[in-house]
Amino acid sequence: MSTARRVLHLSHEESDLLRQIDHRIDPDVQTRFDELVALRRTESLTQEQHRELLALTDRIEAHDARRLELLAELSRLRGIPLKKLRSLMDLYPTEHD
C-alpha cells in the first residue's frame, strides 16, 4: 500500500511568521541567565548581578510574549486553536525562573 505524501503549501505571511517564531534567544544570553539563576538559588547574587538578572528576565519574557503573539496570529491564519497549533508544532511553554 502506498502512502500519500502531503505537501504543505505556506503563504508568504505564514512563512514569515514561522521564521519569526523559530527565532530563539541568543545562547549566550540564555547561558548568562542560567548562571545568574544558579547564583540566586545559592543566595550569592550581588546587587549588580540581581539588576542584570532582572534585565535578562524582562528581555526573555518580552521575547516569549512576542513569540506567543506570533503563534496566535498563525493559528488565526490557519483557522485552528492555538493549543492545537502548539501541539502540532510540538511547542510547549518554556520555563524560566
Foldseek 3Di string as FASTA:
>chain_A
DDDDDDDDDDDPLLVVLVVLLPDDDPPVLVVLLVVLVVCVVVPNDDPVSVVVNVVSVVVRVVSLVVSLVSLCVNCVVVVHDSVVSCVVVVHDDDDHD
